[in-house]
C-alpha atoms as a PDB file:
ATOM      1  CA  VAL A   1      22.457 174.961  11.963  1.00  0.00           C
ATOM      2  CA  GLN A   2      25.211 174.408  14.276  1.00  0.00           C
ATOM      3  CA  LEU A   3      28.864 174.755  13.332  1.00  0.00           C
ATOM      4  CA  GLN A   4      31.794 173.469  14.514  1.00  0.00           C
ATOM      5  CA  ALA A   5      35.131 175.407  14.309  1.00  0.00           C
ATOM      6  CA  SER A   6      38.553 173.628  14.115  1.00  0.00           C
ATOM      7  CA  GLY A   7      42.093 173.266  13.015  1.00  0.00           C
ATOM      8  CA  GLY A   8      43.470 176.654  14.944  1.00  0.00           C
ATOM      9  CA  GLY A   9      46.782 176.354  17.099  1.00  0.00           C
ATOM     10  CA  LEU A  10      49.932 177.927  17.598  1.00  0.00           C
ATOM     11  CA  VAL A  11      52.305 178.611  14.549  1.00  0.00           C
ATOM     12  CA  GLN A  12      54.988 180.735  13.990  1.00  0.00           C
ATOM     13  CA  ALA A  13      55.299 183.706  12.160  1.00  0.00           C
ATOM     14  CA  GLY A  14      55.496 183.485   8.240  1.00  0.00           C
ATOM     15  CA  GLY A  15      53.307 179.975   9.012  1.00  0.00           C
ATOM     16  CA  SER A  16      50.136 178.460   7.439  1.00  0.00           C
ATOM     17  CA  LEU A  17      47.246 176.862   9.047  1.00  0.00           C
ATOM     18  CA  ARG A  18      43.952 176.053   7.842  1.00  0.00           C
ATOM     19  CA  LEU A  19      40.904 176.214   9.670  1.00  0.00           C
ATOM     20  CA  SER A  20      37.303 174.099   9.235  1.00  0.00           C
ATOM     21  CA  CYS A  21      34.272 174.657  10.033  1.00  0.00           C
ATOM     22  CA  ALA A  22      31.976 171.579   9.504  1.00  0.00           C
ATOM     23  CA  ALA A  23      28.321 172.460   9.259  1.00  0.00           C
ATOM     24  CA  SER A  24      24.903 170.275  10.546  1.00  0.00           C
ATOM     25  CA  GLY A  25      21.416 170.413  10.812  1.00  0.00           C
ATOM     26  CA  ARG A  26      20.596 172.545   7.156  1.00  0.00           C
ATOM     27  CA  THR A  27      21.377 172.363   4.051  1.00  0.00           C
ATOM     28  CA  PHE A  28      24.449 173.803   3.659  1.00  0.00           C
ATOM     29  CA  SER A  29      24.396 174.577  -0.036  1.00  0.00           C
ATOM     30  CA  ASN A  30      21.642 177.310   1.370  1.00  0.00           C
ATOM     31  CA  TYR A  31      23.665 179.673   3.194  1.00  0.00           C
ATOM     32  CA  ALA A  32      26.652 182.188   2.830  1.00  0.00           C
ATOM     33  CA  MET A  33      29.612 181.003   5.193  1.00  0.00           C
ATOM     34  CA  GLY A  34      32.250 183.823   6.794  1.00  0.00           C
ATOM     35  CA  TRP A  35      35.003 183.803   9.130  1.00  0.00           C
ATOM     36  CA  PHE A  36      35.591 186.741  11.721  1.00  0.00           C
ATOM     37  CA  ARG A  37      37.762 186.827  14.203  1.00  0.00           C
ATOM     38  CA  GLN A  38      38.379 188.741  17.827  1.00  0.00           C
ATOM     39  CA  ALA A  39      41.540 189.600  19.693  1.00  0.00           C
ATOM     40  CA  PRO A  40      41.731 190.276  23.378  1.00  0.00           C
ATOM     41  CA  GLY A  41      39.965 193.661  23.824  1.00  0.00           C
ATOM     42  CA  LYS A  42      39.475 194.107  20.714  1.00  0.00           C
ATOM     43  CA  GLU A  43      35.616 193.747  18.900  1.00  0.00           C
ATOM     44  CA  ARG A  44      35.015 190.795  16.496  1.00  0.00           C
ATOM     45  CA  GLU A  45      35.986 191.605  12.847  1.00  0.00           C
ATOM     46  CA  PHE A  46      34.879 190.258   9.398  1.00  0.00           C
ATOM     47  CA  VAL A  47      38.247 188.348   7.942  1.00  0.00           C
ATOM     48  CA  ALA A  48      36.332 186.173   4.784  1.00  0.00           C
ATOM     49  CA  THR A  49      33.102 185.397   3.229  1.00  0.00           C
ATOM     50  CA  ILE A  50      31.703 183.105   0.726  1.00  0.00           C
ATOM     51  CA  THR A  51      28.757 182.974  -1.494  1.00  0.00           C
ATOM     52  CA  TYR A  52      25.982 179.848  -0.980  1.00  0.00           C
ATOM     53  CA  ASN A  53      28.007 178.684  -4.440  1.00  0.00           C
ATOM     54  CA  ALA A  54      31.486 179.802  -4.027  1.00  0.00           C
ATOM     55  CA  GLY A  55      30.623 181.927  -6.567  1.00  0.00           C
ATOM     56  CA  ARG A  56      32.454 185.046  -4.722  1.00  0.00           C
ATOM     57  CA  THR A  57      34.506 185.382  -2.250  1.00  0.00           C
ATOM     58  CA  ASP A  58      35.139 189.057  -0.141  1.00  0.00           C
ATOM     59  CA  TYR A  59      38.150 189.337   2.704  1.00  0.00           C
ATOM     60  CA  ALA A  60      38.973 192.489   4.674  1.00  0.00           C
ATOM     61  CA  ASP A  61      41.931 194.006   3.399  1.00  0.00           C
ATOM     62  CA  SER A  62      43.737 193.338   6.233  1.00  0.00           C
ATOM     63  CA  VAL A  63      44.058 189.142   5.201  1.00  0.00           C
ATOM     64  CA  LYS A  64      43.522 189.857   1.419  1.00  0.00           C
ATOM     65  CA  GLY A  65      46.358 188.190  -0.411  1.00  0.00           C
ATOM     66  CA  ARG A  66      47.110 185.585   2.483  1.00  0.00           C
ATOM     67  CA  PHE A  67      44.135 184.213   3.695  1.00  0.00           C
ATOM     68  CA  THR A  68      42.053 182.145   1.148  1.00  0.00           C
ATOM     69  CA  ILE A  69      38.208 180.886   2.034  1.00  0.00           C
ATOM     70  CA  SER A  70      36.442 177.808   0.375  1.00  0.00           C
ATOM     71  CA  ARG A  71      33.937 175.746   0.571  1.00  0.00           C
ATOM     72  CA  ASP A  72      32.718 172.043   0.074  1.00  0.00           C
ATOM     73  CA  ASN A  73      29.368 171.731  -0.130  1.00  0.00           C
ATOM     74  CA  ALA A  74      29.383 167.941  -0.561  1.00  0.00           C
ATOM     75  CA  LYS A  75      31.037 167.772   3.506  1.00  0.00           C
ATOM     76  CA  ASN A  76      29.171 170.822   4.499  1.00  0.00           C
ATOM     77  CA  THR A  77      32.511 171.937   5.295  1.00  0.00           C
ATOM     78  CA  VAL A  78      33.885 175.670   5.015  1.00  0.00           C
ATOM     79  CA  TYR A  79      37.687 176.842   5.431  1.00  0.00           C
ATOM     80  CA  LEU A  80      40.357 179.300   5.694  1.00  0.00           C
ATOM     81  CA  GLN A  81      43.535 179.066   4.185  1.00  0.00           C
ATOM     82  CA  MET A  82      45.642 181.324   6.532  1.00  0.00           C
ATOM     83  CA  GLY A  83      49.567 182.159   5.231  1.00  0.00           C
ATOM     84  CA  SER A  84      52.191 184.488   5.802  1.00  0.00           C
ATOM     85  CA  LEU A  85      50.824 184.541   9.102  1.00  0.00           C
ATOM     86  CA  GLU A  86      51.432 187.822  11.530  1.00  0.00           C
ATOM     87  CA  PRO A  87      51.427 187.978  15.292  1.00  0.00           C
ATOM     88  CA  GLU A  88      48.033 190.600  14.106  1.00  0.00           C
ATOM     89  CA  ASP A  89      46.352 188.123  13.316  1.00  0.00           C
ATOM     90  CA  THR A  90      46.063 186.255  17.307  1.00  0.00           C
ATOM     91  CA  ALA A  91      42.619 185.708  17.961  1.00  0.00           C
ATOM     92  CA  VAL A  92      40.107 183.632  17.989  1.00  0.00           C
ATOM     93  CA  TYR A  93      38.283 182.464  15.090  1.00  0.00           C
ATOM     94  CA  TYR A  94      34.563 182.198  14.405  1.00  0.00           C
ATOM     95  CA  CYS A  95      32.784 180.664  11.844  1.00  0.00           C
ATOM     96  CA  ALA A  96      29.417 182.091  10.644  1.00  0.00           C
ATOM     97  CA  ALA A  97      26.069 181.335   8.522  1.00  0.00           C
ATOM     98  CA  LYS A  98      23.870 183.522   6.925  1.00  0.00           C
ATOM     99  CA  LEU A  99      20.393 182.031   5.288  1.00  0.00           C
ATOM    100  CA  TYR A 100      20.435 182.762   1.379  1.00  0.00           C
ATOM    101  CA  ARG A 101      18.020 185.603   1.219  1.00  0.00           C
ATOM    102  CA  LEU A 102      16.743 187.682  -1.796  1.00  0.00           C
ATOM    103  CA  PRO A 103      18.062 190.587  -2.202  1.00  0.00           C
ATOM    104  CA  PHE A 104      21.412 188.785  -1.328  1.00  0.00           C
ATOM    105  CA  VAL A 105      23.605 191.192  -0.407  1.00  0.00           C
ATOM    106  CA  THR A 106      27.500 190.008   0.333  1.00  0.00           C
ATOM    107  CA  PRO A 107      27.013 189.813   4.282  1.00  0.00           C
ATOM    108  CA  LEU A 108      30.090 191.823   5.883  1.00  0.00           C
ATOM    109  CA  ARG A 109      29.355 192.520   9.251  1.00  0.00           C
ATOM    110  CA  SER A 110      28.214 190.379  11.834  1.00  0.00           C
ATOM    111  CA  PRO A 111      25.148 191.574  12.568  1.00  0.00           C
ATOM    112  CA  GLU A 112      24.605 189.465   9.119  1.00  0.00           C
ATOM    113  CA  TYR A 113      25.142 186.035  10.149  1.00  0.00           C
ATOM    114  CA  ASP A 114      22.024 183.924  11.767  1.00  0.00           C
ATOM    115  CA  TYR A 115      24.202 181.363  13.548  1.00  0.00           C
ATOM    116  CA  TRP A 116      27.664 180.701  14.605  1.00  0.00           C
ATOM    117  CA  GLY A 117      30.353 178.537  15.762  1.00  0.00           C
ATOM    118  CA  GLN A 118      32.118 178.189  18.909  1.00  0.00           C
ATOM    119  CA  GLY A 119      35.797 179.670  17.531  1.00  0.00           C
ATOM    120  CA  THR A 120      39.466 178.121  17.600  1.00  0.00           C
ATOM    121  CA  GLN A 121      42.227 179.774  19.055  1.00  0.00           C
ATOM    122  CA  VAL A 122      44.875 181.086  16.639  1.00  0.00           C
ATOM    123  CA  THR A 123      48.539 182.416  18.249  1.00  0.00           C
ATOM    124  CA  VAL A 124      50.952 183.190  16.271  1.00  0.00           C
ATOM    125  CA  SER A 125      54.403 183.973  17.524  1.00  0.00           C
ATOM    126  CA  SER A 126      56.802 186.594  16.803  1.00  0.00           C
END
């Protein structure tokens, strides 16, 4: 599956952004989707994930209550609504897809994902 992330940009602290990740090539609803981010000089870190049917979402503690992951299987797109942004949220954000397999384990680590998008830069100014 090919993933194309978009929606990044420059925003002031306290502002909001919505990232989108459009998927193509495979049946989107067969995949759990995730968002990760990587700041300069840091390792890639988990942000949020959503199951194939949107029945469950999980978030990193650092974004819980500020970010919301959602998906529209009819549009083959996953979203990350980001609010109350902080300078510490500055990073390249990546979307990723994990094929649904049994037994399903919520994928919180990057090696658990099968496909990755190219990333979109989010910069939060103080």
